[in-house]
Amino acid sequence: MRFADSPAEVAEFLEKLHATKQDKGAEALWNTEYGGELVPWQFDDSSRYAVYAYSVANDQDTGGGTVTIDQAAGDPVVYLYAEGGG
């Protein structure tokens, strides 16, 4: 999923996910293919992206995922990838 919102709304979104900031750059976490499916986003300039990880306990549909935020956009652009759970 990809969306843009105000900095305050993005911060609230991350808080609700209990997302934690990652040290790895965005290009290290994303490939052009994931699980045999093409991922339409490429992140080749880590200085403009912040990367967060989250997990969802006791949720059979999703085990968690990655949130990548383009901080150089006027309103932050959020890229959300949810991994399949159990």
Protein backbone atom coordinates (compact mmCIF):
# COMPACT_ATOMS: atom_id res chain seq x y z
CA MET A 1 0.00 0.00 0.00
CA ARG A 2 1.18 3.52 -0.73
CA PHE A 3 -0.32 6.73 0.66
CA ALA A 4 0.60 10.28 1.69
CA ASP A 5 -0.52 12.15 4.79
CA SER A 6 0.53 14.94 7.12
CA PRO A 7 3.57 14.41 9.35
CA ALA A 8 1.30 14.28 12.43
CA GLU A 9 -0.94 11.59 10.90
CA VAL A 10 2.07 9.52 9.81
CA ALA A 11 3.52 9.74 13.33
CA GLU A 12 0.17 8.61 14.78
CA PHE A 13 0.02 5.73 12.29
CA LEU A 14 3.51 4.54 13.32
CA GLU A 15 2.58 4.83 16.98
CA LYS A 16 -0.56 2.73 16.53
CA LEU A 17 1.51 0.04 14.78
CA HIS A 18 4.11 0.17 17.58
CA ALA A 19 6.63 0.45 14.73
CA THR A 20 10.31 0.64 15.56
CA LYS A 21 12.87 2.52 13.51
CA GLN A 22 15.40 0.31 11.73
CA ASP A 23 19.08 0.98 11.18
CA LYS A 24 19.11 -0.59 7.72
CA GLY A 25 18.55 1.53 4.67
CA ALA A 26 15.47 1.11 2.55
CA GLU A 27 17.40 -0.36 -0.37
CA ALA A 28 18.59 -3.22 1.87
CA LEU A 29 15.04 -4.23 2.82
CA TRP A 30 13.34 -4.08 -0.57
CA ASN A 31 14.01 -6.07 -3.68
CA THR A 32 12.25 -5.75 -7.01
CA GLU A 33 10.82 -9.22 -6.36
CA TYR A 34 9.41 -10.57 -3.12
CA GLY A 35 7.94 -14.05 -2.83
CA GLY A 36 7.80 -14.35 -6.62
CA GLU A 37 5.81 -11.14 -7.01
CA LEU A 38 7.18 -7.89 -8.42
CA VAL A 39 7.38 -5.05 -5.93
CA PRO A 40 6.69 -1.78 -7.77
CA TRP A 41 8.79 0.41 -5.49
CA GLN A 42 12.53 0.96 -5.54
CA PHE A 43 14.43 2.84 -2.86
CA ASP A 44 17.92 3.70 -4.00
CA ASP A 45 18.60 6.80 -1.88
CA SER A 46 18.51 5.77 1.77
CA SER A 47 19.14 9.28 3.03
CA ARG A 48 15.60 10.33 2.08
CA TYR A 49 13.80 7.29 3.56
CA ALA A 50 13.10 6.23 7.13
CA VAL A 51 12.43 2.52 7.65
CA TYR A 52 10.27 1.05 10.43
CA ALA A 53 9.27 -2.52 11.28
CA TYR A 54 6.15 -3.68 13.06
CA SER A 55 4.62 -6.96 14.15
CA VAL A 56 1.08 -7.93 14.99
CA ALA A 57 0.72 -10.47 17.79
CA ASN A 58 -2.07 -13.07 17.59
CA ASP A 59 -3.10 -12.03 14.07
CA GLN A 60 -3.40 -14.95 11.67
CA ASP A 61 -3.67 -12.77 8.56
CA THR A 62 -0.52 -10.72 9.00
CA GLY A 63 2.59 -11.27 11.04
CA GLY A 64 3.87 -7.74 10.61
CA GLY A 65 5.73 -5.82 8.00
CA THR A 66 7.78 -2.84 6.97
CA VAL A 67 6.91 0.83 6.70
CA THR A 68 9.16 2.98 4.52
CA ILE A 69 8.63 6.74 4.60
CA ASP A 70 9.80 9.18 1.96
CA GLN A 71 10.78 12.13 4.13
CA ALA A 72 11.69 14.37 1.17
CA ALA A 73 8.10 14.64 -0.07
CA GLY A 74 5.97 17.65 0.96
CA ASP A 75 3.65 15.39 2.94
CA PRO A 76 5.43 12.16 3.84
CA VAL A 77 4.74 9.31 1.41
CA VAL A 78 4.27 6.02 3.23
CA TYR A 79 4.98 2.63 1.66
CA LEU A 80 3.49 -0.21 3.71
CA TYR A 81 4.38 -3.84 3.16
CA ALA A 82 2.49 -6.42 5.25
CA GLU A 83 3.92 -9.91 5.46
CA GLY A 84 1.68 -12.94 5.65
CA GLY A 85 1.23 -14.46 9.08
CA GLY A 86 0.64 -18.01 10.12
